[in-house]
Amino acid sequence: MYLKNARKLAWRINSVHPSSLGLHPIVYFYSNEGKHKPASFYFTLALIKELDKKNKYNDFIDVREKFEEFLLNYDYLIQQMTRKYRGAYAAIPHVVEFYFEMINKLKGNDSIISAIEEIIKLPKFNHLTLSATLEDKDIFSNFTTESKSEVFIKEAIKNGLRCAICNGYIHKNAMTIDHIHRKEDGGKGNAENGQITHPYCNTTYKN
């Protein structure tokens, strides 16, 4: 049972399985400096499990483009929560609650910044501040390994492939070719009628 559940989660995260959200590792599991963030992995797993439990995948897809922009540009808010709760495990339910608040606000057509401003007014999140600190960074005149990685990641993301349906970032290991004009409606399998999508967007969300 545990192995089946683990496989189901792995399929959901990044695969060509029809259920796959095709989460891009750079967006969900790495820092801007190219360092793997185990805490972000835990938070993403918990988010997926909660989306599944509440049957809210389509709500996530509706706002995925903005949500990923939030993750890329405001990850320091999640770091602030991790510090407050003195570790990733203790912070998991609070981060997931924050994620759902973001999804709900963005689904209501709030901008990313206005959504954050509203959420951090809530008593539970009023310890968060919209300002990144440099306490863990030293600025050198020469490029460090981390700053070089950050330049590369910024360029890779800027020019990254996006899903034609949700406009979220798409990874080479989790993409499908979708008919723009559906087969059921007479769409052909020629290149002009094809688009790159996440498996879930193609097989479930689109339909």
N, C-alpha and C. Protein backbone atom coordinates (compact mmCIF):
# COMPACT_ATOMS: atom_id res chain seq x y z
N MET A 1 0.82 -1.20 0.00
CA MET A 1 0.00 0.00 0.00
C MET A 1 0.87 1.27 0.00
N TYR A 2 1.91 1.28 0.87
CA TYR A 2 2.78 2.45 0.94
C TYR A 2 3.51 2.67 -0.38
N LEU A 3 3.97 1.58 -0.99
CA LEU A 3 4.68 1.70 -2.26
C LEU A 3 3.74 2.17 -3.37
N LYS A 4 2.50 1.71 -3.36
CA LYS A 4 1.53 2.14 -4.35
C LYS A 4 1.23 3.63 -4.21
N ASN A 5 1.09 4.08 -2.96
CA ASN A 5 0.83 5.50 -2.72
C ASN A 5 2.03 6.36 -3.12
N ALA A 6 3.24 5.84 -2.85
CA ALA A 6 4.45 6.57 -3.24
C ALA A 6 4.55 6.67 -4.76
N ARG A 7 4.22 5.59 -5.45
CA ARG A 7 4.25 5.60 -6.91
C ARG A 7 3.20 6.57 -7.46
N LYS A 8 2.04 6.59 -6.85
CA LYS A 8 0.98 7.50 -7.29
C LYS A 8 1.43 8.95 -7.16
N LEU A 9 2.10 9.27 -6.04
CA LEU A 9 2.61 10.63 -5.84
C LEU A 9 3.70 10.96 -6.85
N ALA A 10 4.59 10.00 -7.09
CA ALA A 10 5.68 10.21 -8.06
C ALA A 10 5.11 10.47 -9.45
N TRP A 11 4.11 9.70 -9.83
CA TRP A 11 3.45 9.92 -11.11
C TRP A 11 2.85 11.32 -11.18
N ARG A 12 2.22 11.73 -10.09
CA ARG A 12 1.54 13.02 -10.04
C ARG A 12 2.54 14.17 -10.16
N ILE A 13 3.71 14.01 -9.57
CA ILE A 13 4.69 15.10 -9.53
C ILE A 13 5.31 15.35 -10.90
N ASN A 14 5.88 14.32 -11.50
CA ASN A 14 6.61 14.54 -12.75
C ASN A 14 6.75 13.23 -13.50
N SER A 15 5.89 13.03 -14.48
CA SER A 15 5.93 11.82 -15.30
C SER A 15 5.06 12.07 -16.52
N VAL A 16 4.94 11.06 -17.38
CA VAL A 16 4.03 11.17 -18.52
C VAL A 16 2.72 10.44 -18.24
N HIS A 17 2.52 10.02 -17.01
CA HIS A 17 1.25 9.40 -16.63
C HIS A 17 0.13 10.43 -16.80
N PRO A 18 -1.06 10.01 -17.23
CA PRO A 18 -2.15 10.97 -17.44
C PRO A 18 -2.49 11.84 -16.24
N SER A 19 -2.16 11.36 -15.03
CA SER A 19 -2.46 12.14 -13.82
C SER A 19 -1.39 13.19 -13.51
N SER A 20 -0.30 13.21 -14.26
CA SER A 20 0.86 14.03 -13.90
C SER A 20 0.61 15.53 -14.07
N LEU A 21 0.96 16.26 -13.01
CA LEU A 21 0.95 17.73 -13.07
C LEU A 21 2.21 18.25 -13.74
N GLY A 22 3.22 17.40 -13.85
CA GLY A 22 4.46 17.81 -14.51
C GLY A 22 5.13 18.99 -13.83
N LEU A 23 5.28 18.92 -12.50
CA LEU A 23 5.87 20.03 -11.76
C LEU A 23 7.33 20.21 -12.14
N HIS A 24 7.69 21.42 -12.53
CA HIS A 24 9.08 21.67 -12.95
C HIS A 24 9.97 21.78 -11.71
N PRO A 25 11.04 20.96 -11.64
CA PRO A 25 11.91 20.97 -10.46
C PRO A 25 12.46 22.34 -10.10
N ILE A 26 12.83 23.14 -11.09
CA ILE A 26 13.39 24.46 -10.79
C ILE A 26 12.40 25.32 -10.02
N VAL A 27 11.14 25.19 -10.37
CA VAL A 27 10.10 26.01 -9.73
C VAL A 27 9.78 25.50 -8.33
N TYR A 28 9.67 24.18 -8.18
CA TYR A 28 9.11 23.60 -6.96
C TYR A 28 10.13 23.05 -5.97
N PHE A 29 11.33 22.73 -6.43
CA PHE A 29 12.26 22.01 -5.56
C PHE A 29 13.64 22.63 -5.41
N TYR A 30 13.92 23.73 -6.12
CA TYR A 30 15.25 24.33 -6.07
C TYR A 30 15.16 25.81 -5.73
N SER A 31 16.23 26.32 -5.10
CA SER A 31 16.33 27.75 -4.84
C SER A 31 16.80 28.46 -6.11
N ASN A 32 16.74 29.78 -6.09
CA ASN A 32 17.21 30.55 -7.24
C ASN A 32 18.70 30.36 -7.48
N GLU A 33 19.41 29.90 -6.44
CA GLU A 33 20.85 29.68 -6.56
C GLU A 33 21.17 28.25 -7.01
N GLY A 34 20.13 27.48 -7.32
CA GLY A 34 20.34 26.13 -7.82
C GLY A 34 20.54 25.08 -6.74
N LYS A 35 20.22 25.40 -5.50
CA LYS A 35 20.35 24.43 -4.41
C LYS A 35 19.04 23.70 -4.21
N HIS A 36 19.14 22.37 -4.08
CA HIS A 36 17.94 21.59 -3.80
C HIS A 36 17.42 21.95 -2.41
N LYS A 37 16.10 22.14 -2.31
CA LYS A 37 15.49 22.52 -1.04
C LYS A 37 14.57 21.40 -0.56
N PRO A 38 15.06 20.54 0.33
CA PRO A 38 14.21 19.46 0.84
C PRO A 38 12.90 19.97 1.42
N ALA A 39 12.94 21.12 2.10
CA ALA A 39 11.72 21.67 2.70
C ALA A 39 10.66 21.93 1.63
N SER A 40 11.08 22.47 0.50
CA SER A 40 10.13 22.74 -0.58
C SER A 40 9.53 21.44 -1.12
N PHE A 41 10.34 20.39 -1.14
CA PHE A 41 9.84 19.09 -1.57
C PHE A 41 8.74 18.60 -0.63
N TYR A 42 8.98 18.72 0.69
CA TYR A 42 7.97 18.31 1.66
C TYR A 42 6.69 19.13 1.49
N PHE A 43 6.85 20.45 1.31
CA PHE A 43 5.68 21.32 1.19
C PHE A 43 4.88 20.97 -0.07
N THR A 44 5.58 20.68 -1.16
CA THR A 44 4.89 20.35 -2.41
C THR A 44 4.15 19.02 -2.30
N LEU A 45 4.78 18.03 -1.68
CA LEU A 45 4.10 16.75 -1.46
C LEU A 45 2.84 16.95 -0.64
N ALA A 46 2.94 17.74 0.42
CA ALA A 46 1.79 17.99 1.28
C ALA A 46 0.69 18.72 0.53
N LEU A 47 1.08 19.67 -0.33
CA LEU A 47 0.10 20.39 -1.15
C LEU A 47 -0.63 19.43 -2.08
N ILE A 48 0.10 18.56 -2.75
CA ILE A 48 -0.50 17.61 -3.68
C ILE A 48 -1.49 16.70 -2.95
N LYS A 49 -1.11 16.21 -1.77
CA LYS A 49 -1.99 15.33 -1.01
C LYS A 49 -3.27 16.06 -0.61
N GLU A 50 -3.14 17.34 -0.27
CA GLU A 50 -4.32 18.12 0.12
C GLU A 50 -5.19 18.45 -1.09
N LEU A 51 -4.56 18.74 -2.22
CA LEU A 51 -5.32 18.96 -3.45
C LEU A 51 -6.12 17.72 -3.82
N ASP A 52 -5.50 16.57 -3.63
CA ASP A 52 -6.17 15.30 -3.92
C ASP A 52 -7.32 15.07 -2.96
N LYS A 53 -7.07 15.30 -1.69
CA LYS A 53 -8.09 15.08 -0.66
C LYS A 53 -9.31 15.96 -0.88
N LYS A 54 -9.06 17.22 -1.27
CA LYS A 54 -10.16 18.18 -1.45
C LYS A 54 -10.67 18.25 -2.88
N ASN A 55 -10.06 17.44 -3.77
CA ASN A 55 -10.42 17.45 -5.19
C ASN A 55 -10.33 18.87 -5.76
N LYS A 56 -9.18 19.51 -5.53
CA LYS A 56 -8.99 20.90 -5.93
C LYS A 56 -7.92 21.07 -7.02
N TYR A 57 -7.62 19.99 -7.74
CA TYR A 57 -6.59 20.09 -8.77
C TYR A 57 -6.92 21.15 -9.82
N ASN A 58 -8.17 21.21 -10.22
CA ASN A 58 -8.53 22.17 -11.26
C ASN A 58 -8.40 23.62 -10.77
N ASP A 59 -8.65 23.85 -9.49
CA ASP A 59 -8.44 25.19 -8.93
C ASP A 59 -6.97 25.57 -9.03
N PHE A 60 -6.10 24.61 -8.75
CA PHE A 60 -4.66 24.84 -8.86
C PHE A 60 -4.28 25.15 -10.30
N ILE A 61 -4.80 24.36 -11.25
CA ILE A 61 -4.48 24.57 -12.66
C ILE A 61 -4.98 25.94 -13.13
N ASP A 62 -6.14 26.35 -12.64
CA ASP A 62 -6.70 27.66 -13.01
C ASP A 62 -5.71 28.80 -12.76
N VAL A 63 -4.93 28.68 -11.67
CA VAL A 63 -4.05 29.79 -11.26
C VAL A 63 -2.59 29.40 -11.31
N ARG A 64 -2.27 28.28 -11.96
CA ARG A 64 -0.92 27.74 -11.90
C ARG A 64 0.15 28.73 -12.35
N GLU A 65 -0.10 29.46 -13.42
CA GLU A 65 0.90 30.41 -13.91
C GLU A 65 1.27 31.42 -12.84
N LYS A 66 0.27 32.02 -12.20
CA LYS A 66 0.54 33.01 -11.15
C LYS A 66 1.15 32.36 -9.91
N PHE A 67 0.67 31.16 -9.57
CA PHE A 67 1.19 30.48 -8.39
C PHE A 67 2.67 30.18 -8.55
N GLU A 68 3.08 29.78 -9.74
CA GLU A 68 4.49 29.49 -9.97
C GLU A 68 5.33 30.77 -9.95
N GLU A 69 4.76 31.86 -10.43
CA GLU A 69 5.46 33.14 -10.34
C GLU A 69 5.66 33.52 -8.87
N PHE A 70 4.64 33.26 -8.06
CA PHE A 70 4.76 33.50 -6.62
C PHE A 70 5.89 32.67 -6.02
N LEU A 71 5.94 31.38 -6.35
CA LEU A 71 6.99 30.51 -5.80
C LEU A 71 8.38 30.99 -6.19
N LEU A 72 8.53 31.46 -7.41
CA LEU A 72 9.84 31.88 -7.90
C LEU A 72 10.29 33.21 -7.30
N ASN A 73 9.35 34.09 -7.01
CA ASN A 73 9.72 35.45 -6.60
C ASN A 73 9.51 35.76 -5.12
N TYR A 74 8.75 34.91 -4.43
CA TYR A 74 8.45 35.21 -3.03
C TYR A 74 8.73 34.00 -2.13
N ASP A 75 9.71 33.18 -2.51
CA ASP A 75 10.01 32.00 -1.70
C ASP A 75 10.51 32.37 -0.31
N TYR A 76 10.97 33.62 -0.14
CA TYR A 76 11.45 34.04 1.18
C TYR A 76 10.32 34.07 2.20
N LEU A 77 9.07 34.21 1.76
CA LEU A 77 7.95 34.15 2.69
C LEU A 77 7.83 32.76 3.31
N ILE A 78 8.07 31.75 2.49
CA ILE A 78 8.02 30.38 2.99
C ILE A 78 9.19 30.13 3.94
N GLN A 79 10.34 30.73 3.65
CA GLN A 79 11.49 30.62 4.55
C GLN A 79 11.19 31.27 5.89
N GLN A 80 10.46 32.40 5.86
CA GLN A 80 10.07 33.06 7.11
C GLN A 80 9.19 32.14 7.96
N MET A 81 8.29 31.41 7.32
CA MET A 81 7.42 30.47 8.05
C MET A 81 8.23 29.32 8.62
N THR A 82 9.17 28.82 7.83
CA THR A 82 10.00 27.71 8.30
C THR A 82 10.79 28.12 9.54
N ARG A 83 11.31 29.35 9.53
CA ARG A 83 12.05 29.84 10.70
C ARG A 83 11.12 29.99 11.91
N LYS A 84 9.92 30.50 11.68
CA LYS A 84 8.99 30.71 12.79
C LYS A 84 8.66 29.41 13.49
N TYR A 85 8.44 28.36 12.71
CA TYR A 85 8.05 27.08 13.29
C TYR A 85 9.24 26.16 13.54
N ARG A 86 10.43 26.73 13.39
CA ARG A 86 11.68 26.05 13.77
C ARG A 86 11.91 24.73 13.03
N GLY A 87 11.57 24.74 11.75
CA GLY A 87 11.87 23.55 10.95
C GLY A 87 10.78 23.26 9.94
N ALA A 88 11.17 22.52 8.91
CA ALA A 88 10.26 22.26 7.79
C ALA A 88 9.08 21.39 8.20
N TYR A 89 9.32 20.32 8.97
CA TYR A 89 8.23 19.41 9.32
C TYR A 89 7.13 20.13 10.09
N ALA A 90 7.53 20.93 11.06
CA ALA A 90 6.53 21.65 11.86
C ALA A 90 5.80 22.70 11.04
N ALA A 91 6.46 23.21 10.00
CA ALA A 91 5.86 24.27 9.18
C ALA A 91 4.91 23.75 8.11
N ILE A 92 4.94 22.45 7.83
CA ILE A 92 4.19 21.91 6.70
C ILE A 92 2.71 22.32 6.69
N PRO A 93 1.93 22.08 7.75
CA PRO A 93 0.51 22.44 7.67
C PRO A 93 0.27 23.93 7.48
N HIS A 94 1.16 24.76 8.01
CA HIS A 94 1.00 26.21 7.91
C HIS A 94 1.33 26.69 6.49
N VAL A 95 2.36 26.10 5.90
CA VAL A 95 2.72 26.46 4.52
C VAL A 95 1.62 26.03 3.56
N VAL A 96 1.10 24.83 3.75
CA VAL A 96 0.02 24.34 2.89
C VAL A 96 -1.22 25.23 3.01
N GLU A 97 -1.52 25.66 4.23
CA GLU A 97 -2.65 26.59 4.42
C GLU A 97 -2.40 27.90 3.68
N PHE A 98 -1.16 28.38 3.74
CA PHE A 98 -0.80 29.60 3.01
C PHE A 98 -0.97 29.39 1.51
N TYR A 99 -0.52 28.24 1.01
CA TYR A 99 -0.66 27.92 -0.41
C TYR A 99 -2.14 27.95 -0.83
N PHE A 100 -3.00 27.37 -0.01
CA PHE A 100 -4.42 27.36 -0.37
C PHE A 100 -5.02 28.76 -0.31
N GLU A 101 -4.57 29.56 0.62
CA GLU A 101 -5.02 30.96 0.64
C GLU A 101 -4.62 31.65 -0.65
N MET A 102 -3.38 31.40 -1.11
CA MET A 102 -2.91 31.99 -2.36
C MET A 102 -3.76 31.52 -3.54
N ILE A 103 -4.01 30.24 -3.61
CA ILE A 103 -4.80 29.69 -4.71
C ILE A 103 -6.19 30.32 -4.74
N ASN A 104 -6.81 30.44 -3.57
CA ASN A 104 -8.16 31.02 -3.50
C ASN A 104 -8.16 32.49 -3.90
N LYS A 105 -7.15 33.23 -3.43
CA LYS A 105 -7.07 34.66 -3.77
C LYS A 105 -6.81 34.84 -5.26
N LEU A 106 -5.91 34.06 -5.80
CA LEU A 106 -5.58 34.17 -7.22
C LEU A 106 -6.75 33.74 -8.09
N LYS A 107 -7.50 32.75 -7.62
CA LYS A 107 -8.68 32.31 -8.36
C LYS A 107 -9.74 33.42 -8.38
N GLY A 108 -9.71 34.27 -7.37
CA GLY A 108 -10.62 35.40 -7.33
C GLY A 108 -10.10 36.59 -8.12
N ASN A 109 -9.07 36.33 -8.94
CA ASN A 109 -8.47 37.33 -9.84
C ASN A 109 -7.66 38.41 -9.12
N ASP A 110 -7.23 38.14 -7.90
CA ASP A 110 -6.31 39.05 -7.24
C ASP A 110 -4.94 38.96 -7.92
N SER A 111 -4.21 40.05 -7.93
CA SER A 111 -2.82 40.00 -8.39
C SER A 111 -2.01 39.29 -7.33
N ILE A 112 -0.82 38.85 -7.69
CA ILE A 112 0.02 38.14 -6.73
C ILE A 112 0.32 39.01 -5.51
N ILE A 113 0.72 40.24 -5.76
CA ILE A 113 1.10 41.11 -4.65
C ILE A 113 -0.09 41.46 -3.77
N SER A 114 -1.25 41.71 -4.37
CA SER A 114 -2.42 42.04 -3.55
C SER A 114 -2.89 40.83 -2.77
N ALA A 115 -2.75 39.63 -3.38
CA ALA A 115 -3.10 38.40 -2.66
C ALA A 115 -2.22 38.24 -1.43
N ILE A 116 -0.92 38.44 -1.59
CA ILE A 116 0.00 38.31 -0.45
C ILE A 116 -0.32 39.35 0.61
N GLU A 117 -0.57 40.57 0.19
CA GLU A 117 -0.86 41.64 1.15
C GLU A 117 -2.10 41.33 1.97
N GLU A 118 -3.10 40.72 1.33
CA GLU A 118 -4.32 40.36 2.06
C GLU A 118 -4.06 39.21 3.03
N ILE A 119 -3.30 38.23 2.58
CA ILE A 119 -3.05 37.04 3.42
C ILE A 119 -2.23 37.39 4.65
N ILE A 120 -1.22 38.24 4.50
CA ILE A 120 -0.36 38.54 5.65
C ILE A 120 -1.04 39.49 6.65
N LYS A 121 -2.25 39.93 6.33
CA LYS A 121 -3.05 40.67 7.31
C LYS A 121 -3.78 39.73 8.26
N LEU A 122 -3.91 38.47 7.84
CA LEU A 122 -4.59 37.49 8.68
C LEU A 122 -3.75 37.22 9.92
N PRO A 123 -4.40 37.08 11.09
CA PRO A 123 -3.64 36.86 12.35
C PRO A 123 -2.62 35.72 12.26
N LYS A 124 -2.98 34.66 11.56
CA LYS A 124 -2.08 33.50 11.49
C LYS A 124 -0.81 33.80 10.72
N PHE A 125 -0.88 34.76 9.80
CA PHE A 125 0.27 35.03 8.94
C PHE A 125 0.83 36.44 9.11
N ASN A 126 0.46 37.11 10.18
CA ASN A 126 0.91 38.50 10.33
C ASN A 126 2.37 38.62 10.76
N HIS A 127 3.05 37.48 10.94
CA HIS A 127 4.49 37.51 11.20
C HIS A 127 5.29 37.63 9.91
N LEU A 128 4.63 37.47 8.77
CA LEU A 128 5.32 37.53 7.48
C LEU A 128 5.50 38.97 7.03
N THR A 129 6.60 39.22 6.35
CA THR A 129 6.86 40.56 5.85
C THR A 129 7.31 40.50 4.39
N LEU A 130 6.82 41.45 3.62
CA LEU A 130 7.13 41.49 2.18
C LEU A 130 8.48 42.14 1.93
N SER A 131 9.52 41.55 2.47
CA SER A 131 10.87 42.05 2.22
C SER A 131 11.86 40.93 2.45
N ALA A 132 12.66 40.66 1.46
CA ALA A 132 13.69 39.63 1.59
C ALA A 132 14.88 40.21 2.34
N THR A 133 15.50 39.39 3.17
CA THR A 133 16.68 39.84 3.89
C THR A 133 17.93 39.28 3.22
N LEU A 134 19.04 39.92 3.48
CA LEU A 134 20.32 39.46 2.94
C LEU A 134 21.17 38.83 4.02
N GLU A 135 20.53 38.41 5.11
CA GLU A 135 21.29 37.90 6.25
C GLU A 135 22.09 36.65 5.93
N ASP A 136 21.64 35.89 4.95
CA ASP A 136 22.34 34.66 4.61
C ASP A 136 23.17 34.80 3.34
N LYS A 137 23.31 36.03 2.85
CA LYS A 137 24.04 36.23 1.61
C LYS A 137 25.20 37.20 1.81
N ASP A 138 26.32 36.87 1.21
CA ASP A 138 27.45 37.78 1.16
C ASP A 138 27.61 38.21 -0.29
N ILE A 139 27.75 39.49 -0.50
CA ILE A 139 27.87 40.01 -1.85
C ILE A 139 29.34 40.24 -2.17
N PHE A 140 29.84 39.54 -3.18
CA PHE A 140 31.22 39.65 -3.58
C PHE A 140 31.32 40.36 -4.92
N SER A 141 32.52 40.86 -5.22
CA SER A 141 32.72 41.54 -6.50
C SER A 141 32.77 40.55 -7.65
N ASN A 142 33.24 39.33 -7.38
CA ASN A 142 33.28 38.29 -8.41
C ASN A 142 32.07 37.38 -8.29
N PHE A 143 31.71 36.75 -9.39
CA PHE A 143 30.60 35.81 -9.36
C PHE A 143 30.97 34.58 -8.53
N THR A 144 30.08 34.20 -7.64
CA THR A 144 30.26 32.96 -6.89
C THR A 144 29.57 31.83 -7.66
N THR A 145 29.77 30.60 -7.19
CA THR A 145 29.09 29.46 -7.80
C THR A 145 27.58 29.65 -7.73
N GLU A 146 27.11 30.17 -6.58
CA GLU A 146 25.68 30.36 -6.39
C GLU A 146 25.14 31.45 -7.33
N SER A 147 25.87 32.56 -7.46
CA SER A 147 25.37 33.63 -8.32
C SER A 147 25.38 33.22 -9.79
N LYS A 148 26.37 32.42 -10.19
CA LYS A 148 26.40 31.90 -11.55
C LYS A 148 25.19 31.00 -11.80
N SER A 149 24.88 30.16 -10.81
CA SER A 149 23.71 29.28 -10.94
C SER A 149 22.43 30.09 -11.05
N GLU A 150 22.37 31.18 -10.28
CA GLU A 150 21.17 32.02 -10.31
C GLU A 150 20.98 32.66 -11.68
N VAL A 151 22.07 33.10 -12.29
CA VAL A 151 22.00 33.68 -13.64
C VAL A 151 21.47 32.63 -14.61
N PHE A 152 22.02 31.42 -14.53
CA PHE A 152 21.60 30.35 -15.43
C PHE A 152 20.12 30.02 -15.25
N ILE A 153 19.69 29.88 -13.99
CA ILE A 153 18.30 29.52 -13.71
C ILE A 153 17.34 30.60 -14.20
N LYS A 154 17.69 31.85 -13.98
CA LYS A 154 16.83 32.95 -14.44
C LYS A 154 16.66 32.91 -15.96
N GLU A 155 17.77 32.65 -16.68
CA GLU A 155 17.69 32.59 -18.13
C GLU A 155 16.91 31.34 -18.58
N ALA A 156 17.13 30.22 -17.89
CA ALA A 156 16.44 28.98 -18.26
C ALA A 156 14.94 29.12 -18.06
N ILE A 157 14.55 29.75 -16.95
CA ILE A 157 13.13 29.94 -16.68
C ILE A 157 12.52 30.95 -17.64
N LYS A 158 13.26 32.03 -17.91
CA LYS A 158 12.75 33.07 -18.81
C LYS A 158 12.43 32.50 -20.17
N ASN A 159 13.24 31.55 -20.64
CA ASN A 159 13.06 30.96 -21.96
C ASN A 159 12.45 29.57 -21.90
N GLY A 160 11.91 29.22 -20.73
CA GLY A 160 11.39 27.86 -20.55
C GLY A 160 10.09 27.60 -21.30
N LEU A 161 9.88 26.33 -21.64
CA LEU A 161 8.64 25.92 -22.28
C LEU A 161 7.48 26.05 -21.30
N ARG A 162 6.31 26.39 -21.84
CA ARG A 162 5.11 26.49 -21.01
C ARG A 162 3.99 25.64 -21.61
N CYS A 163 3.14 25.16 -20.75
CA CYS A 163 1.99 24.38 -21.17
C CYS A 163 1.02 25.28 -21.94
N ALA A 164 0.55 24.80 -23.07
CA ALA A 164 -0.35 25.59 -23.91
C ALA A 164 -1.73 25.76 -23.28
N ILE A 165 -2.05 24.96 -22.26
CA ILE A 165 -3.36 25.04 -21.62
C ILE A 165 -3.35 25.91 -20.37
N CYS A 166 -2.42 25.64 -19.44
CA CYS A 166 -2.41 26.40 -18.17
C CYS A 166 -1.34 27.48 -18.14
N ASN A 167 -0.42 27.43 -19.08
CA ASN A 167 0.71 28.36 -19.17
C ASN A 167 1.70 28.22 -18.02
N GLY A 168 1.64 27.10 -17.30
CA GLY A 168 2.65 26.81 -16.30
C GLY A 168 3.90 26.26 -16.97
N TYR A 169 5.02 26.28 -16.24
CA TYR A 169 6.26 25.76 -16.79
C TYR A 169 6.15 24.25 -17.00
N ILE A 170 6.77 23.78 -18.08
CA ILE A 170 6.67 22.37 -18.43
C ILE A 170 8.07 21.77 -18.53
N HIS A 171 8.22 20.56 -18.01
CA HIS A 171 9.51 19.87 -17.97
C HIS A 171 9.55 18.80 -19.04
N LYS A 172 10.73 18.57 -19.59
CA LYS A 172 10.88 17.65 -20.72
C LYS A 172 10.47 16.22 -20.37
N ASN A 173 10.50 15.86 -19.10
CA ASN A 173 10.13 14.51 -18.69
C ASN A 173 8.64 14.35 -18.40
N ALA A 174 7.88 15.42 -18.58
CA ALA A 174 6.45 15.36 -18.24
C ALA A 174 5.65 16.21 -19.21
N MET A 175 5.69 15.85 -20.48
CA MET A 175 4.94 16.60 -21.47
C MET A 175 4.21 15.66 -22.41
N THR A 176 3.11 16.14 -22.94
CA THR A 176 2.36 15.38 -23.94
C THR A 176 2.07 16.30 -25.12
N ILE A 177 1.77 15.71 -26.25
CA ILE A 177 1.35 16.48 -27.42
C ILE A 177 -0.18 16.39 -27.52
N ASP A 178 -0.79 17.54 -27.49
CA ASP A 178 -2.24 17.63 -27.46
C ASP A 178 -2.79 18.13 -28.79
N HIS A 179 -3.96 17.66 -29.16
CA HIS A 179 -4.66 18.18 -30.33
C HIS A 179 -5.28 19.54 -29.98
N ILE A 180 -4.93 20.58 -30.71
CA ILE A 180 -5.56 21.89 -30.51
C ILE A 180 -7.04 21.78 -30.86
N HIS A 181 -7.31 21.25 -32.04
CA HIS A 181 -8.68 20.95 -32.46
C HIS A 181 -8.90 19.48 -32.16
N ARG A 182 -9.79 19.16 -31.24
CA ARG A 182 -9.91 17.81 -30.71
C ARG A 182 -10.21 16.76 -31.78
N LYS A 183 -9.68 15.54 -31.54
CA LYS A 183 -9.93 14.43 -32.45
C LYS A 183 -11.42 14.17 -32.59
N GLU A 184 -12.14 14.27 -31.46
CA GLU A 184 -13.59 14.02 -31.47
C GLU A 184 -14.33 14.98 -32.40
N ASP A 185 -13.69 16.15 -32.60
CA ASP A 185 -14.32 17.16 -33.45
C ASP A 185 -13.69 17.22 -34.84
N GLY A 186 -12.95 16.17 -35.18
CA GLY A 186 -12.36 16.08 -36.52
C GLY A 186 -10.93 16.58 -36.61
N GLY A 187 -10.28 16.88 -35.47
CA GLY A 187 -8.91 17.37 -35.48
C GLY A 187 -7.94 16.31 -35.99
N LYS A 188 -6.96 16.74 -36.76
CA LYS A 188 -5.98 15.82 -37.36
C LYS A 188 -4.71 15.75 -36.52
N GLY A 189 -3.88 14.76 -36.87
CA GLY A 189 -2.62 14.57 -36.16
C GLY A 189 -1.44 15.24 -36.82
N ASN A 190 -1.68 16.35 -37.52
CA ASN A 190 -0.58 17.07 -38.16
C ASN A 190 0.06 18.05 -37.17
N ALA A 191 1.28 18.47 -37.50
CA ALA A 191 2.04 19.33 -36.58
C ALA A 191 1.32 20.64 -36.29
N GLU A 192 0.63 21.16 -37.26
CA GLU A 192 -0.07 22.44 -37.08
C GLU A 192 -1.20 22.34 -36.06
N ASN A 193 -1.67 21.14 -35.81
CA ASN A 193 -2.76 20.95 -34.85
C ASN A 193 -2.26 20.43 -33.51
N GLY A 194 -0.95 20.51 -33.28
CA GLY A 194 -0.37 20.01 -32.04
C GLY A 194 0.12 21.11 -31.12
N GLN A 195 0.06 20.85 -29.82
CA GLN A 195 0.59 21.78 -28.83
C GLN A 195 1.14 20.98 -27.65
N ILE A 196 2.13 21.55 -26.95
CA ILE A 196 2.76 20.88 -25.81
C ILE A 196 1.99 21.22 -24.54
N THR A 197 1.65 20.18 -23.78
CA THR A 197 0.89 20.39 -22.54
C THR A 197 1.37 19.45 -21.44
N HIS A 198 0.97 19.75 -20.21
CA HIS A 198 1.14 18.80 -19.11
C HIS A 198 0.17 17.65 -19.32
N PRO A 199 0.51 16.44 -18.89
CA PRO A 199 -0.40 15.31 -19.05
C PRO A 199 -1.78 15.55 -18.42
N TYR A 200 -1.80 16.06 -17.18
CA TYR A 200 -3.08 16.30 -16.51
C TYR A 200 -3.92 17.33 -17.25
N CYS A 201 -3.29 18.39 -17.71
CA CYS A 201 -4.01 19.44 -18.44
C CYS A 201 -4.64 18.87 -19.71
N ASN A 202 -3.93 17.96 -20.35
CA ASN A 202 -4.38 17.35 -21.60
C ASN A 202 -5.51 16.36 -21.37
N THR A 203 -5.34 15.46 -20.39
CA THR A 203 -6.27 14.35 -20.25
C THR A 203 -7.45 14.62 -19.34
N THR A 204 -7.31 15.57 -18.39
CA THR A 204 -8.37 15.78 -17.41
C THR A 204 -8.91 17.21 -17.41
N TYR A 205 -8.02 18.16 -17.19
CA TYR A 205 -8.46 19.57 -17.07
C TYR A 205 -9.13 20.05 -18.34
N LYS A 206 -8.55 19.75 -19.48
CA LYS A 206 -9.09 20.23 -20.76
C LYS A 206 -10.50 19.70 -21.01
N ASN A 207 -10.76 18.49 -20.52
CA ASN A 207 -12.03 17.83 -20.80
C ASN A 207 -13.08 18.09 -19.72
